[in-house]
C-alpha atoms as a PDB file:
ATOM      1  CA  UNK A   1      46.068  -8.758 -25.234  1.00  0.00           C
ATOM      2  CA  UNK A   2      42.314  -9.186 -25.165  1.00  0.00           C
ATOM      3  CA  UNK A   3      40.708 -11.301 -27.881  1.00  0.00           C
ATOM      4  CA  UNK A   4      37.210 -11.814 -29.209  1.00  0.00           C
ATOM      5  CA  UNK A   5      35.497 -14.960 -27.904  1.00  0.00           C
ATOM      6  CA  UNK A   6      34.628 -16.088 -31.436  1.00  0.00           C
ATOM      7  CA  UNK A   7      37.609 -18.339 -32.169  1.00  0.00           C
ATOM      8  CA  UNK A   8      37.696 -19.948 -28.702  1.00  0.00           C
ATOM      9  CA  UNK A   9      33.967 -20.733 -28.864  1.00  0.00           C
ATOM     10  CA  UNK A  10      34.103 -22.152 -32.393  1.00  0.00           C
ATOM     11  CA  UNK A  11      36.960 -24.425 -31.278  1.00  0.00           C
ATOM     12  CA  UNK A  12      34.976 -25.433 -28.180  1.00  0.00           C
ATOM     13  CA  UNK A  13      31.869 -26.214 -30.243  1.00  0.00           C
ATOM     14  CA  UNK A  14      33.876 -28.380 -32.660  1.00  0.00           C
ATOM     15  CA  UNK A  15      35.780 -30.084 -29.826  1.00  0.00           C
ATOM     16  CA  UNK A  16      32.665 -30.721 -27.688  1.00  0.00           C
ATOM     17  CA  UNK A  17      33.896 -28.814 -24.648  1.00  0.00           C
ATOM     18  CA  UNK A  18      32.916 -25.421 -23.206  1.00  0.00           C
ATOM     19  CA  UNK A  19      34.806 -22.270 -22.293  1.00  0.00           C
ATOM     20  CA  UNK A  20      34.014 -20.889 -18.834  1.00  0.00           C
ATOM     21  CA  UNK A  21      32.848 -17.335 -18.351  1.00  0.00           C
ATOM     22  CA  UNK A  22      33.753 -16.345 -14.811  1.00  0.00           C
ATOM     23  CA  UNK A  23      32.392 -13.031 -13.626  1.00  0.00           C
ATOM     24  CA  UNK A  24      34.817 -10.595 -12.029  1.00  0.00           C
ATOM     25  CA  UNK A  25      33.810  -8.384  -9.125  1.00  0.00           C
ATOM     26  CA  UNK A  26      37.111  -6.815  -8.054  1.00  0.00           C
ATOM     27  CA  UNK A  27      40.897  -7.022  -8.447  1.00  0.00           C
ATOM     28  CA  UNK A  28      41.244 -10.291  -6.475  1.00  0.00           C
ATOM     29  CA  UNK A  29      38.577 -12.012  -8.569  1.00  0.00           C
ATOM     30  CA  UNK A  30      40.273 -11.006 -11.821  1.00  0.00           C
ATOM     31  CA  UNK A  31      43.753 -12.018 -10.685  1.00  0.00           C
ATOM     32  CA  UNK A  32      42.629 -15.439  -9.380  1.00  0.00           C
ATOM     33  CA  UNK A  33      40.713 -16.332 -12.544  1.00  0.00           C
ATOM     34  CA  UNK A  34      43.553 -15.246 -14.854  1.00  0.00           C
ATOM     35  CA  UNK A  35      46.179 -17.137 -12.820  1.00  0.00           C
ATOM     36  CA  UNK A  36      44.093 -20.325 -12.810  1.00  0.00           C
ATOM     37  CA  UNK A  37      43.399 -20.129 -16.554  1.00  0.00           C
ATOM     38  CA  UNK A  38      47.137 -19.691 -17.220  1.00  0.00           C
ATOM     39  CA  UNK A  39      48.087 -22.532 -14.875  1.00  0.00           C
ATOM     40  CA  UNK A  40      45.608 -24.886 -16.568  1.00  0.00           C
ATOM     41  CA  UNK A  41      46.294 -23.552 -20.085  1.00  0.00           C
ATOM     42  CA  UNK A  42      42.586 -22.902 -20.596  1.00  0.00           C
ATOM     43  CA  UNK A  43      40.977 -20.103 -22.620  1.00  0.00           C
ATOM     44  CA  UNK A  44      38.817 -17.892 -20.416  1.00  0.00           C
ATOM     45  CA  UNK A  45      36.094 -15.254 -20.599  1.00  0.00           C
ATOM     46  CA  UNK A  46      35.965 -12.594 -17.888  1.00  0.00           C
ATOM     47  CA  UNK A  47      32.357 -11.498 -17.425  1.00  0.00           C
ATOM     48  CA  UNK A  48      31.421  -8.038 -16.144  1.00  0.00           C
ATOM     49  CA  UNK A  49      27.827  -7.183 -15.279  1.00  0.00           C
ATOM     50  CA  UNK A  50      26.768  -3.546 -15.520  1.00  0.00           C
ATOM     51  CA  UNK A  51      26.447  -3.468 -11.718  1.00  0.00           C
ATOM     52  CA  UNK A  52      29.989  -4.808 -11.257  1.00  0.00           C
ATOM     53  CA  UNK A  53      31.279  -2.356 -13.865  1.00  0.00           C
ATOM     54  CA  UNK A  54      29.776   0.516 -11.916  1.00  0.00           C
ATOM     55  CA  UNK A  55      31.196  -0.853  -8.637  1.00  0.00           C
ATOM     56  CA  UNK A  56      34.684  -1.060 -10.178  1.00  0.00           C
ATOM     57  CA  UNK A  57      34.532   2.643 -11.181  1.00  0.00           C
ATOM     58  CA  UNK A  58      33.492   2.223 -14.799  1.00  0.00           C
ATOM     59  CA  UNK A  59      34.464   0.211 -17.863  1.00  0.00           C
ATOM     60  CA  UNK A  60      37.676   2.172 -18.558  1.00  0.00           C
ATOM     61  CA  UNK A  61      38.962   1.141 -15.110  1.00  0.00           C
ATOM     62  CA  UNK A  62      38.060  -2.504 -15.774  1.00  0.00           C
ATOM     63  CA  UNK A  63      39.810  -2.553 -19.173  1.00  0.00           C
ATOM     64  CA  UNK A  64      42.914  -0.898 -17.704  1.00  0.00           C
ATOM     65  CA  UNK A  65      43.042  -3.353 -14.805  1.00  0.00           C
ATOM     66  CA  UNK A  66      42.590  -6.459 -16.976  1.00  0.00           C
ATOM     67  CA  UNK A  67      45.120  -5.372 -19.606  1.00  0.00           C
ATOM     68  CA  UNK A  68      47.608  -4.445 -16.880  1.00  0.00           C
ATOM     69  CA  UNK A  69      47.215  -7.852 -15.232  1.00  0.00           C
ATOM     70  CA  UNK A  70      47.604  -9.781 -18.492  1.00  0.00           C
ATOM     71  CA  UNK A  71      50.928  -7.973 -18.993  1.00  0.00           C
ATOM     72  CA  UNK A  72      52.144  -8.169 -15.369  1.00  0.00           C
ATOM     73  CA  UNK A  73      51.199 -11.845 -14.845  1.00  0.00           C
ATOM     74  CA  UNK A  74      52.512 -12.899 -18.294  1.00  0.00           C
ATOM     75  CA  UNK A  75      49.172 -14.402 -19.281  1.00  0.00           C
ATOM     76  CA  UNK A  76      49.531 -16.291 -22.573  1.00  0.00           C
ATOM     77  CA  UNK A  77      46.112 -17.997 -22.811  1.00  0.00           C
ATOM     78  CA  UNK A  78      43.288 -16.346 -24.818  1.00  0.00           C
ATOM     79  CA  UNK A  79      41.295 -13.913 -22.634  1.00  0.00           C
ATOM     80  CA  UNK A  80      38.043 -12.246 -23.671  1.00  0.00           C
ATOM     81  CA  UNK A  81      36.636  -9.360 -21.611  1.00  0.00           C
ATOM     82  CA  UNK A  82      32.869  -9.655 -21.907  1.00  0.00           C
ATOM     83  CA  UNK A  83      29.936  -7.481 -20.891  1.00  0.00           C
ATOM     84  CA  UNK A  84      27.370  -9.731 -19.200  1.00  0.00           C
ATOM     85  CA  UNK A  85      23.637  -9.020 -19.685  1.00  0.00           C
ATOM     86  CA  UNK A  86      24.255  -5.600 -21.164  1.00  0.00           C
ATOM     87  CA  UNK A  87      21.683  -2.993 -22.033  1.00  0.00           C
ATOM     88  CA  UNK A  88      21.970  -1.333 -25.440  1.00  0.00           C
ATOM     89  CA  UNK A  89      23.613   1.736 -23.842  1.00  0.00           C
ATOM     90  CA  UNK A  90      25.899  -0.462 -21.735  1.00  0.00           C
ATOM     91  CA  UNK A  91      26.985  -2.370 -24.845  1.00  0.00           C
ATOM     92  CA  UNK A  92      27.929   0.879 -26.609  1.00  0.00           C
ATOM     93  CA  UNK A  93      29.859   2.077 -23.537  1.00  0.00           C
ATOM     94  CA  UNK A  94      31.839  -1.195 -23.332  1.00  0.00           C
ATOM     95  CA  UNK A  95      32.646  -1.125 -27.043  1.00  0.00           C
ATOM     96  CA  UNK A  96      34.035   2.406 -26.579  1.00  0.00           C
ATOM     97  CA  UNK A  97      36.016   1.364 -23.479  1.00  0.00           C
ATOM     98  CA  UNK A  98      37.779  -1.492 -25.299  1.00  0.00           C
ATOM     99  CA  UNK A  99      35.934  -4.673 -24.262  1.00  0.00           C
ATOM    100  CA  UNK A 100      36.610  -7.541 -26.681  1.00  0.00           C
ATOM    101  CA  UNK A 101      33.192  -9.184 -26.310  1.00  0.00           C
ATOM    102  CA  UNK A 102      29.668  -7.929 -25.623  1.00  0.00           C
ATOM    103  CA  UNK A 103      26.395  -9.448 -24.534  1.00  0.00           C
ATOM    104  CA  UNK A 104      23.312  -7.501 -25.453  1.00  0.00           C
ATOM    105  CA  UNK A 105      20.353  -8.891 -23.523  1.00  0.00           C
ATOM    106  CA  UNK A 106      17.181  -7.942 -25.366  1.00  0.00           C
ATOM    107  CA  UNK A 107      15.253 -10.963 -24.063  1.00  0.00           C
ATOM    108  CA  UNK A 108      12.796  -8.820 -22.070  1.00  0.00           C
ATOM    109  CA  UNK A 109      11.760  -6.869 -25.188  1.00  0.00           C
ATOM    110  CA  UNK A 110       9.212  -8.064 -27.754  1.00  0.00           C
ATOM    111  CA  UNK A 111      11.100 -10.105 -30.384  1.00  0.00           C
ATOM    112  CA  UNK A 112      10.810  -7.299 -32.994  1.00  0.00           C
ATOM    113  CA  UNK A 113      12.589  -4.841 -30.680  1.00  0.00           C
ATOM    114  CA  UNK A 114      15.203  -7.446 -29.714  1.00  0.00           C
ATOM    115  CA  UNK A 115      15.897  -8.031 -33.431  1.00  0.00           C
ATOM    116  CA  UNK A 116      16.136  -4.300 -34.172  1.00  0.00           C
ATOM    117  CA  UNK A 117      18.562  -3.507 -31.341  1.00  0.00           C
ATOM    118  CA  UNK A 118      20.677  -6.635 -31.898  1.00  0.00           C
ATOM    119  CA  UNK A 119      20.949  -5.778 -35.616  1.00  0.00           C
ATOM    120  CA  UNK A 120      22.260  -2.313 -34.723  1.00  0.00           C
ATOM    121  CA  UNK A 121      25.115  -3.921 -32.751  1.00  0.00           C
ATOM    122  CA  UNK A 122      25.971  -6.753 -35.182  1.00  0.00           C
ATOM    123  CA  UNK A 123      27.627  -4.537 -37.815  1.00  0.00           C
ATOM    124  CA  UNK A 124      29.602  -2.475 -35.293  1.00  0.00           C
ATOM    125  CA  UNK A 125      30.922  -5.560 -33.518  1.00  0.00           C
ATOM    126  CA  UNK A 126      31.728  -7.224 -36.833  1.00  0.00           C
ATOM    127  CA  UNK A 127      33.789  -4.256 -38.062  1.00  0.00           C
ATOM    128  CA  UNK A 128      35.666  -3.960 -34.754  1.00  0.00           C
ATOM    129  CA  UNK A 129      36.258  -7.726 -34.388  1.00  0.00           C
ATOM    130  CA  UNK A 130      34.257  -7.932 -31.151  1.00  0.00           C
ATOM    131  CA  UNK A 131      32.218 -11.051 -30.371  1.00  0.00           C
ATOM    132  CA  UNK A 132      28.504 -10.526 -29.711  1.00  0.00           C
ATOM    133  CA  UNK A 133      26.192 -12.647 -27.555  1.00  0.00           C
ATOM    134  CA  UNK A 134      22.418 -12.277 -27.785  1.00  0.00           C
ATOM    135  CA  UNK A 135      19.675 -13.755 -25.606  1.00  0.00           C
ATOM    136  CA  UNK A 136      16.250 -15.234 -26.310  1.00  0.00           C
ATOM    137  CA  UNK A 137      13.862 -16.340 -23.536  1.00  0.00           C
ATOM    138  CA  UNK A 138      14.801 -14.700 -20.239  1.00  0.00           C
ATOM    139  CA  UNK A 139      17.113 -16.714 -17.981  1.00  0.00           C
ATOM    140  CA  UNK A 140      15.447 -16.975 -14.569  1.00  0.00           C
ATOM    141  CA  UNK A 141      16.775 -16.126 -11.119  1.00  0.00           C
ATOM    142  CA  UNK A 142      18.164 -12.804  -9.980  1.00  0.00           C
ATOM    143  CA  UNK A 143      20.290 -10.639 -12.269  1.00  0.00           C
ATOM    144  CA  UNK A 144      21.081  -7.117 -11.051  1.00  0.00           C
ATOM    145  CA  UNK A 145      18.049  -7.109  -8.770  1.00  0.00           C
ATOM    146  CA  UNK A 146      15.457  -8.522 -11.185  1.00  0.00           C
ATOM    147  CA  UNK A 147      14.007 -11.952 -10.313  1.00  0.00           C
ATOM    148  CA  UNK A 148      12.210 -14.474 -12.521  1.00  0.00           C
ATOM    149  CA  UNK A 149      11.812 -18.220 -13.055  1.00  0.00           C
ATOM    150  CA  UNK A 150      13.586 -19.856 -15.981  1.00  0.00           C
ATOM    151  CA  UNK A 151      11.746 -19.525 -19.273  1.00  0.00           C
ATOM    152  CA  UNK A 152      12.249 -21.667 -22.329  1.00  0.00           C
ATOM    153  CA  UNK A 153      13.182 -19.939 -25.552  1.00  0.00           C
ATOM    154  CA  UNK A 154      11.177 -20.345 -28.751  1.00  0.00           C
ATOM    155  CA  UNK A 155      13.432 -22.112 -31.321  1.00  0.00           C
ATOM    156  CA  UNK A 156      11.920 -20.011 -34.147  1.00  0.00           C
ATOM    157  CA  UNK A 157      12.851 -16.786 -32.332  1.00  0.00           C
ATOM    158  CA  UNK A 158      16.330 -18.214 -31.673  1.00  0.00           C
ATOM    159  CA  UNK A 159      16.787 -18.722 -35.411  1.00  0.00           C
ATOM    160  CA  UNK A 160      15.703 -15.145 -36.152  1.00  0.00           C
ATOM    161  CA  UNK A 161      18.356 -13.775 -33.767  1.00  0.00           C
ATOM    162  CA  UNK A 162      21.050 -16.270 -34.858  1.00  0.00           C
ATOM    163  CA  UNK A 163      20.494 -15.351 -38.516  1.00  0.00           C
ATOM    164  CA  UNK A 164      21.464 -11.736 -37.753  1.00  0.00           C
ATOM    165  CA  UNK A 165      25.079 -12.905 -37.508  1.00  0.00           C
ATOM    166  CA  UNK A 166      25.699 -12.856 -33.744  1.00  0.00           C
ATOM    167  CA  UNK A 167      28.654 -14.915 -32.451  1.00  0.00           C
ATOM    168  CA  UNK A 168      26.813 -16.889 -29.783  1.00  0.00           C
ATOM    169  CA  UNK A 169      23.326 -17.327 -28.451  1.00  0.00           C
ATOM    170  CA  UNK A 170      22.059 -17.595 -24.879  1.00  0.00           C
ATOM    171  CA  UNK A 171      18.731 -19.404 -24.941  1.00  0.00           C
ATOM    172  CA  UNK A 172      16.613 -20.113 -21.887  1.00  0.00           C
ATOM    173  CA  UNK A 173      16.218 -23.865 -21.273  1.00  0.00           C
ATOM    174  CA  UNK A 174      14.844 -23.705 -17.732  1.00  0.00           C
ATOM    175  CA  UNK A 175      18.156 -22.487 -16.259  1.00  0.00           C
ATOM    176  CA  UNK A 176      18.275 -19.703 -13.672  1.00  0.00           C
ATOM    177  CA  UNK A 177      20.826 -17.352 -12.123  1.00  0.00           C
ATOM    178  CA  UNK A 178      21.873 -17.772  -8.496  1.00  0.00           C
ATOM    179  CA  UNK A 179      21.014 -20.733  -6.260  1.00  0.00           C
ATOM    180  CA  UNK A 180      18.522 -23.247  -7.641  1.00  0.00           C
ATOM    181  CA  UNK A 181      15.325 -23.590  -5.598  1.00  0.00           C
ATOM    182  CA  UNK A 182      14.027 -26.846  -4.104  1.00  0.00           C
ATOM    183  CA  UNK A 183      12.057 -28.814  -6.657  1.00  0.00           C
ATOM    184  CA  UNK A 184      13.753 -27.246  -9.722  1.00  0.00           C
ATOM    185  CA  UNK A 185      12.752 -29.576 -12.570  1.00  0.00           C
ATOM    186  CA  UNK A 186      16.132 -29.490 -14.351  1.00  0.00           C
ATOM    187  CA  UNK A 187      17.288 -28.392 -17.788  1.00  0.00           C
ATOM    188  CA  UNK A 188      14.962 -28.937 -20.732  1.00  0.00           C
ATOM    189  CA  UNK A 189      17.159 -30.924 -23.092  1.00  0.00           C
ATOM    190  CA  UNK A 190      14.289 -31.349 -25.570  1.00  0.00           C
ATOM    191  CA  UNK A 191      14.177 -27.546 -25.961  1.00  0.00           C
ATOM    192  CA  UNK A 192      17.990 -27.400 -26.285  1.00  0.00           C
ATOM    193  CA  UNK A 193      17.941 -30.053 -29.024  1.00  0.00           C
ATOM    194  CA  UNK A 194      15.244 -28.171 -30.953  1.00  0.00           C
ATOM    195  CA  UNK A 195      17.160 -24.889 -30.654  1.00  0.00           C
ATOM    196  CA  UNK A 196      20.367 -26.571 -31.858  1.00  0.00           C
ATOM    197  CA  UNK A 197      18.499 -27.997 -34.870  1.00  0.00           C
ATOM    198  CA  UNK A 198      17.202 -24.574 -35.867  1.00  0.00           C
ATOM    199  CA  UNK A 199      20.403 -22.529 -35.304  1.00  0.00           C
ATOM    200  CA  UNK A 200      22.891 -25.076 -36.687  1.00  0.00           C
ATOM    201  CA  UNK A 201      26.531 -24.152 -36.034  1.00  0.00           C
ATOM    202  CA  UNK A 202      25.855 -21.283 -33.634  1.00  0.00           C
ATOM    203  CA  UNK A 203      27.730 -21.787 -30.308  1.00  0.00           C
ATOM    204  CA  UNK A 204      25.169 -21.828 -27.477  1.00  0.00           C
ATOM    205  CA  UNK A 205      25.589 -20.328 -24.011  1.00  0.00           C
ATOM    206  CA  UNK A 206      24.389 -21.780 -20.712  1.00  0.00           C
ATOM    207  CA  UNK A 207      23.771 -19.115 -18.082  1.00  0.00           C
ATOM    208  CA  UNK A 208      23.314 -19.932 -14.406  1.00  0.00           C
ATOM    209  CA  UNK A 209      26.114 -22.514 -14.247  1.00  0.00           C
ATOM    210  CA  UNK A 210      26.066 -22.550 -10.431  1.00  0.00           C
ATOM    211  CA  UNK A 211      24.122 -25.479  -9.021  1.00  0.00           C
ATOM    212  CA  UNK A 212      23.346 -27.323 -12.257  1.00  0.00           C
ATOM    213  CA  UNK A 213      24.373 -30.964 -11.653  1.00  0.00           C
ATOM    214  CA  UNK A 214      27.626 -31.943 -13.373  1.00  0.00           C
ATOM    215  CA  UNK A 215      25.999 -34.599 -15.589  1.00  0.00           C
ATOM    216  CA  UNK A 216      23.440 -32.047 -16.858  1.00  0.00           C
ATOM    217  CA  UNK A 217      26.198 -29.550 -17.703  1.00  0.00           C
ATOM    218  CA  UNK A 218      28.142 -32.226 -19.599  1.00  0.00           C
ATOM    219  CA  UNK A 219      25.037 -33.298 -21.491  1.00  0.00           C
ATOM    220  CA  UNK A 220      24.300 -29.667 -22.439  1.00  0.00           C
ATOM    221  CA  UNK A 221      27.875 -29.317 -23.744  1.00  0.00           C
ATOM    222  CA  UNK A 222      27.410 -32.468 -25.862  1.00  0.00           C
ATOM    223  CA  UNK A 223      24.242 -30.909 -27.294  1.00  0.00           C
ATOM    224  CA  UNK A 224      25.973 -27.720 -28.478  1.00  0.00           C
ATOM    225  CA  UNK A 225      26.673 -25.496 -25.459  1.00  0.00           C
ATOM    226  CA  UNK A 226      30.156 -23.956 -25.932  1.00  0.00           C
ATOM    227  CA  UNK A 227      30.145 -21.391 -23.098  1.00  0.00           C
ATOM    228  CA  UNK A 228      29.022 -21.802 -19.483  1.00  0.00           C
ATOM    229  CA  UNK A 229      28.677 -18.839 -17.109  1.00  0.00           C
ATOM    230  CA  UNK A 230      29.690 -19.038 -13.444  1.00  0.00           C
ATOM    231  CA  UNK A 231      29.436 -16.303 -10.830  1.00  0.00           C
ATOM    232  CA  UNK A 232      27.424 -17.256  -7.728  1.00  0.00           C
ATOM    233  CA  UNK A 233      29.556 -20.330  -6.977  1.00  0.00           C
ATOM    234  CA  UNK A 234      32.745 -18.254  -6.783  1.00  0.00           C
ATOM    235  CA  UNK A 235      30.975 -15.742  -4.543  1.00  0.00           C
ATOM    236  CA  UNK A 236      29.783 -18.473  -2.167  1.00  0.00           C
ATOM    237  CA  UNK A 237      33.175 -20.221  -1.903  1.00  0.00           C
ATOM    238  CA  UNK A 238      35.029 -16.894  -1.488  1.00  0.00           C
ATOM    239  CA  UNK A 239      32.728 -15.719   1.302  1.00  0.00           C
ATOM    240  CA  UNK A 240      32.822 -19.064   3.151  1.00  0.00           C
ATOM    241  CA  UNK A 241      36.656 -19.053   3.203  1.00  0.00           C
ATOM    242  CA  UNK A 242      36.888 -15.441   4.415  1.00  0.00           C
ATOM    243  CA  UNK A 243      34.234 -16.124   7.068  1.00  0.00           C
ATOM    244  CA  UNK A 244      36.272 -19.068   8.380  1.00  0.00           C
ATOM    245  CA  UNK A 245      39.420 -16.899   8.590  1.00  0.00           C
ATOM    246  CA  UNK A 246      37.535 -14.323  10.707  1.00  0.00           C
ATOM    247  CA  UNK A 247      35.731 -16.917  12.835  1.00  0.00           C
ATOM    248  CA  UNK A 248      39.074 -18.625  13.560  1.00  0.00           C
ATOM    249  CA  UNK A 249      40.304 -15.270  14.900  1.00  0.00           C
ATOM    250  CA  UNK A 250      43.202 -15.115  12.438  1.00  0.00           C
ATOM    251  CA  UNK A 251      42.565 -11.428  11.814  1.00  0.00           C
ATOM    252  CA  UNK A 252      43.481 -10.819  15.485  1.00  0.00           C
ATOM    253  CA  UNK A 253      46.858 -12.596  15.268  1.00  0.00           C
ATOM    254  CA  UNK A 254      49.898 -10.489  14.370  1.00  0.00           C
ATOM    255  CA  UNK A 255      49.135  -8.499  11.226  1.00  0.00           C
ATOM    256  CA  UNK A 256      46.228 -10.772  10.326  1.00  0.00           C
ATOM    257  CA  UNK A 257      44.038  -7.695   9.846  1.00  0.00           C
ATOM    258  CA  UNK A 258      45.933  -6.799   6.634  1.00  0.00           C
ATOM    259  CA  UNK A 259      43.237  -6.976   3.935  1.00  0.00           C
ATOM    260  CA  UNK A 260      45.570  -8.968   1.702  1.00  0.00           C
ATOM    261  CA  UNK A 261      45.773 -11.626   4.413  1.00  0.00           C
ATOM    262  CA  UNK A 262      42.031 -11.500   5.130  1.00  0.00           C
ATOM    263  CA  UNK A 263      41.174 -12.022   1.444  1.00  0.00           C
ATOM    264  CA  UNK A 264      43.873 -14.655   0.715  1.00  0.00           C
ATOM    265  CA  UNK A 265      41.785 -17.712   1.756  1.00  0.00           C
ATOM    266  CA  UNK A 266      38.903 -16.399  -0.367  1.00  0.00           C
ATOM    267  CA  UNK A 267      41.240 -16.101  -3.346  1.00  0.00           C
ATOM    268  CA  UNK A 268      42.383 -19.716  -2.943  1.00  0.00           C
ATOM    269  CA  UNK A 269      38.716 -20.773  -2.775  1.00  0.00           C
ATOM    270  CA  UNK A 270      37.948 -18.967  -6.044  1.00  0.00           C
ATOM    271  CA  UNK A 271      40.900 -20.691  -7.746  1.00  0.00           C
ATOM    272  CA  UNK A 272      39.656 -24.070  -6.530  1.00  0.00           C
ATOM    273  CA  UNK A 273      36.123 -23.369  -7.809  1.00  0.00           C
ATOM    274  CA  UNK A 274      37.452 -22.245 -11.215  1.00  0.00           C
ATOM    275  CA  UNK A 275      39.634 -25.382 -11.440  1.00  0.00           C
ATOM    276  CA  UNK A 276      36.676 -27.649 -10.669  1.00  0.00           C
ATOM    277  CA  UNK A 277      34.502 -25.917 -13.258  1.00  0.00           C
ATOM    278  CA  UNK A 278      37.163 -25.962 -15.980  1.00  0.00           C
ATOM    279  CA  UNK A 279      37.569 -29.689 -15.426  1.00  0.00           C
ATOM    280  CA  UNK A 280      33.814 -30.250 -15.852  1.00  0.00           C
ATOM    281  CA  UNK A 281      33.723 -28.000 -18.952  1.00  0.00           C
ATOM    282  CA  UNK A 282      36.629 -29.922 -20.534  1.00  0.00           C
ATOM    283  CA  UNK A 283      38.583 -26.768 -21.478  1.00  0.00           C
ATOM    284  CA  UNK A 284      41.833 -27.539 -19.606  1.00  0.00           C
ATOM    285  CA  UNK A 285      44.811 -27.565 -22.002  1.00  0.00           C
ATOM    286  CA  UNK A 286      42.728 -26.123 -24.858  1.00  0.00           C
ATOM    287  CA  UNK A 287      44.365 -22.654 -24.965  1.00  0.00           C
END
């Protein structure tokens, strides 16, 4: 069964750890993340970008696949299926398809428009028991083809969005999606502290979890971050393992060309990456 992320994030905030959101891109990704979460008894959030949703043949397909896997693999830990960086239309489509958590990213709109559109989703999500993530101050890097450097959110604007009654807030603190460039100055903990002061109990979300040094991630969690997003790191480790399998010529031995065999090393690499991240986030055994 899919659950809202609300309870797991409130527990994480109070316990000073973070729940990992790991983006899924296909069946293998989903299976590996669910199996690792179950093995480590950790709550988990499966993130789906609109691009990945389209690639996987729509949100109904994604919901069917995830629910089928939870049943088939006997997954007992809490699992939230979450739209990542959704448009307003995408959010509505995921609500209709049966997602248990939604992110509406209105950070590129003027604050008035962000407030208006977020408000329209708050009541619907509340009634349906779906958790809602909002964003203030665009997270840098590349997200579905759009590139930018990490901005810092305005704490006053964060409070305006938090006061609408969203479940969690993603606020830019100099973090970016994808690989971090040379000379990246690091997370702005002063901004994070100010945001935390203004929004109080609201669980905060750190996007762009790939490449942020471990000590910075842990410090951010101590300062109120209850959810950390990871995608690029799984992609890099998966691809490196599959490349090695091909370069070693294993696809030319026996039935080594079977796609299940070709992808197996990549799957193990994803599991290893998820394990490492869950250890850093402190969510192992917290299901």
